[in-house]
């Protein structure tokens, strides 16, 4: 998800906002690299930011 070593670990995220919607619980977190991670019911829904492989259109490394 993130290009920086260890940044994909949830412990490197800081919660920005959390609220309940008709889709479930939505959380907005920021990674230490500056990427914003959007989770719905605890599952990653979107990743935005310069440190994000998904935002750069490169996909997620697998392994």
C-alpha atoms as a PDB file:
ATOM      1  CA  UNK A   1       0.000   0.000   0.000  1.00  0.00           C
ATOM      2  CA  UNK A   2       2.759   2.433   0.938  1.00  0.00           C
ATOM      3  CA  UNK A   3       6.245   2.705  -0.515  1.00  0.00           C
ATOM      4  CA  UNK A   4       7.919   3.221   2.868  1.00  0.00           C
ATOM      5  CA  UNK A   5       9.087   0.230   4.874  1.00  0.00           C
ATOM      6  CA  UNK A   6       6.718  -0.603   7.732  1.00  0.00           C
ATOM      7  CA  UNK A   7       4.159   2.012   6.717  1.00  0.00           C
ATOM      8  CA  UNK A   8       1.535  -0.550   5.705  1.00  0.00           C
ATOM      9  CA  UNK A   9       1.352  -1.649   9.336  1.00  0.00           C
ATOM     10  CA  UNK A  10      -1.837  -0.324  10.980  1.00  0.00           C
ATOM     11  CA  UNK A  11       0.204   0.871  13.969  1.00  0.00           C
ATOM     12  CA  UNK A  12       1.714   3.577  11.741  1.00  0.00           C
ATOM     13  CA  UNK A  13      -1.730   5.128  11.096  1.00  0.00           C
ATOM     14  CA  UNK A  14      -3.291   8.004  13.030  1.00  0.00           C
ATOM     15  CA  UNK A  15      -7.086   8.247  13.170  1.00  0.00           C
ATOM     16  CA  UNK A  16      -8.376  11.508  11.700  1.00  0.00           C
ATOM     17  CA  UNK A  17     -12.121  10.857  11.763  1.00  0.00           C
ATOM     18  CA  UNK A  18     -14.592   8.074  12.472  1.00  0.00           C
ATOM     19  CA  UNK A  19     -18.346   8.063  11.891  1.00  0.00           C
ATOM     20  CA  UNK A  20     -21.254   5.780  11.066  1.00  0.00           C
ATOM     21  CA  UNK A  21     -22.898   5.965   7.640  1.00  0.00           C
ATOM     22  CA  UNK A  22     -25.456   3.860   5.773  1.00  0.00           C
ATOM     23  CA  UNK A  23     -22.453   1.933   4.366  1.00  0.00           C
ATOM     24  CA  UNK A  24     -21.087   1.131   7.837  1.00  0.00           C
ATOM     25  CA  UNK A  25     -18.406   2.643  10.055  1.00  0.00           C
ATOM     26  CA  UNK A  26     -16.063   4.858   8.041  1.00  0.00           C
ATOM     27  CA  UNK A  27     -12.616   5.761   9.352  1.00  0.00           C
ATOM     28  CA  UNK A  28     -10.141   8.210   7.850  1.00  0.00           C
ATOM     29  CA  UNK A  29      -6.532   7.636   8.906  1.00  0.00           C
ATOM     30  CA  UNK A  30      -3.234   9.173   7.886  1.00  0.00           C
ATOM     31  CA  UNK A  31      -0.120   7.060   7.393  1.00  0.00           C
ATOM     32  CA  UNK A  32       3.235   8.363   8.610  1.00  0.00           C
ATOM     33  CA  UNK A  33       4.181   8.803   4.923  1.00  0.00           C
ATOM     34  CA  UNK A  34       1.272  11.239   4.471  1.00  0.00           C
ATOM     35  CA  UNK A  35      -1.148   8.944   2.618  1.00  0.00           C
ATOM     36  CA  UNK A  36      -4.784   9.022   3.724  1.00  0.00           C
ATOM     37  CA  UNK A  37      -6.380   5.609   4.227  1.00  0.00           C
ATOM     38  CA  UNK A  38     -10.181   5.230   4.167  1.00  0.00           C
ATOM     39  CA  UNK A  39     -11.582   2.155   5.886  1.00  0.00           C
ATOM     40  CA  UNK A  40     -15.169   0.891   5.857  1.00  0.00           C
ATOM     41  CA  UNK A  41     -15.975  -1.507   8.694  1.00  0.00           C
ATOM     42  CA  UNK A  42     -12.236  -2.061   9.228  1.00  0.00           C
ATOM     43  CA  UNK A  43     -11.468  -2.913   5.595  1.00  0.00           C
ATOM     44  CA  UNK A  44      -9.357  -0.658   3.390  1.00  0.00           C
ATOM     45  CA  UNK A  45     -11.670   1.038   0.899  1.00  0.00           C
ATOM     46  CA  UNK A  46      -9.334   3.666  -0.590  1.00  0.00           C
ATOM     47  CA  UNK A  47      -5.812   5.015  -0.263  1.00  0.00           C
ATOM     48  CA  UNK A  48      -4.896   8.533  -1.358  1.00  0.00           C
ATOM     49  CA  UNK A  49      -1.571  10.305  -1.294  1.00  0.00           C
ATOM     50  CA  UNK A  50       1.967  10.586  -2.588  1.00  0.00           C
ATOM     51  CA  UNK A  51       3.218   7.619  -0.572  1.00  0.00           C
ATOM     52  CA  UNK A  52       0.511   5.310  -1.883  1.00  0.00           C
ATOM     53  CA  UNK A  53       1.192   2.735  -4.606  1.00  0.00           C
ATOM     54  CA  UNK A  54      -2.560   2.543  -5.319  1.00  0.00           C
ATOM     55  CA  UNK A  55      -2.842   6.308  -5.712  1.00  0.00           C
ATOM     56  CA  UNK A  56       0.059   6.186  -8.154  1.00  0.00           C
ATOM     57  CA  UNK A  57      -1.692   3.461 -10.153  1.00  0.00           C
ATOM     58  CA  UNK A  58       1.086   0.924  -9.479  1.00  0.00           C
ATOM     59  CA  UNK A  59      -1.000  -1.672  -7.661  1.00  0.00           C
ATOM     60  CA  UNK A  60      -0.121  -3.291  -4.394  1.00  0.00           C
ATOM     61  CA  UNK A  61       3.037  -5.394  -4.100  1.00  0.00           C
ATOM     62  CA  UNK A  62       2.237  -9.050  -3.452  1.00  0.00           C
ATOM     63  CA  UNK A  63       4.922 -10.672  -1.478  1.00  0.00           C
END
